[in-house]
Amino acid sequence: MHATIHGERTLTELDFARLSKLPGRELPPALAALLASAEVTGSRAVPGDVVTM
């Protein structure tokens, strides 16, 4: 499956940790790039109308 990602990405600290520790030898390049460029924030800072993992 191919996805085009536009714009900024914000991840909660917990979601970032979960994605960073996916099983396997190394992360797919697209996911590694997304994690490297994402803004990481605490869960309490995310507005109630925003969906997280």
C-alpha atoms as a PDB file:
ATOM      1  CA  MET A   1       0.000   0.000   0.000  1.00  0.00           C
ATOM      2  CA  HIS A   2       1.295   3.450  -0.891  1.00  0.00           C
ATOM      3  CA  ALA A   3       0.357   6.582   1.018  1.00  0.00           C
ATOM      4  CA  THR A   4       1.256  10.179   0.340  1.00  0.00           C
ATOM      5  CA  ILE A   5       1.828  12.205   3.476  1.00  0.00           C
ATOM      6  CA  HIS A   6       1.339  15.963   3.343  1.00  0.00           C
ATOM      7  CA  GLY A   7       1.742  18.527   6.086  1.00  0.00           C
ATOM      8  CA  GLU A   8       2.970  18.298   9.629  1.00  0.00           C
ATOM      9  CA  ARG A   9       2.613  15.298  11.896  1.00  0.00           C
ATOM     10  CA  THR A  10       2.234  15.416  15.664  1.00  0.00           C
ATOM     11  CA  LEU A  11       2.593  12.284  17.773  1.00  0.00           C
ATOM     12  CA  THR A  12       2.028  11.774  21.459  1.00  0.00           C
ATOM     13  CA  GLU A  13       5.051  10.582  23.406  1.00  0.00           C
ATOM     14  CA  LEU A  14       3.349   7.213  23.919  1.00  0.00           C
ATOM     15  CA  ASP A  15       2.500   6.767  20.218  1.00  0.00           C
ATOM     16  CA  PHE A  16       6.057   7.760  19.271  1.00  0.00           C
ATOM     17  CA  ALA A  17       7.478   5.150  21.653  1.00  0.00           C
ATOM     18  CA  ARG A  18       5.123   2.455  20.345  1.00  0.00           C
ATOM     19  CA  LEU A  19       5.959   3.161  16.702  1.00  0.00           C
ATOM     20  CA  SER A  20       9.685   3.391  17.410  1.00  0.00           C
ATOM     21  CA  LYS A  21       9.692  -0.071  19.010  1.00  0.00           C
ATOM     22  CA  LEU A  22       7.807  -2.018  16.332  1.00  0.00           C
ATOM     23  CA  PRO A  23       9.031  -5.617  16.070  1.00  0.00           C
ATOM     24  CA  GLY A  24      11.518  -6.411  13.350  1.00  0.00           C
ATOM     25  CA  ARG A  25      15.055  -5.567  12.439  1.00  0.00           C
ATOM     26  CA  GLU A  26      14.510  -1.984  11.324  1.00  0.00           C
ATOM     27  CA  LEU A  27      11.675   0.387  10.545  1.00  0.00           C
ATOM     28  CA  PRO A  28      10.537   0.908   6.951  1.00  0.00           C
ATOM     29  CA  PRO A  29      12.235   4.040   5.538  1.00  0.00           C
ATOM     30  CA  ALA A  30       8.968   5.988   5.207  1.00  0.00           C
ATOM     31  CA  LEU A  31       8.062   5.362   8.863  1.00  0.00           C
ATOM     32  CA  ALA A  32      11.574   6.216  10.041  1.00  0.00           C
ATOM     33  CA  ALA A  33      11.393   9.516   8.120  1.00  0.00           C
ATOM     34  CA  LEU A  34       7.970  10.307   9.577  1.00  0.00           C
ATOM     35  CA  LEU A  35       9.186   9.651  13.122  1.00  0.00           C
ATOM     36  CA  ALA A  36      12.286  11.774  12.546  1.00  0.00           C
ATOM     37  CA  SER A  37      10.233  14.759  11.379  1.00  0.00           C
ATOM     38  CA  ALA A  38       7.207  14.501  13.693  1.00  0.00           C
ATOM     39  CA  GLU A  39       6.545  16.875  16.544  1.00  0.00           C
ATOM     40  CA  VAL A  40       6.270  14.862  19.766  1.00  0.00           C
ATOM     41  CA  THR A  41       4.013  16.124  22.544  1.00  0.00           C
ATOM     42  CA  GLY A  42       2.503  14.945  25.791  1.00  0.00           C
ATOM     43  CA  SER A  43      -0.933  13.296  25.670  1.00  0.00           C
ATOM     44  CA  ARG A  44      -2.498  15.984  27.851  1.00  0.00           C
ATOM     45  CA  ALA A  45      -1.486  18.666  25.327  1.00  0.00           C
ATOM     46  CA  VAL A  46      -3.577  17.069  22.557  1.00  0.00           C
ATOM     47  CA  PRO A  47      -7.028  18.680  22.167  1.00  0.00           C
ATOM     48  CA  GLY A  48     -10.013  16.442  22.909  1.00  0.00           C
ATOM     49  CA  ASP A  49     -11.226  16.544  19.300  1.00  0.00           C
ATOM     50  CA  VAL A  50      -7.967  15.113  17.891  1.00  0.00           C
ATOM     51  CA  VAL A  51      -7.685  11.388  17.223  1.00  0.00           C
ATOM     52  CA  THR A  52      -4.559   9.587  18.426  1.00  0.00           C
ATOM     53  CA  MET A  53      -3.525   5.956  18.259  1.00  0.00           C
END
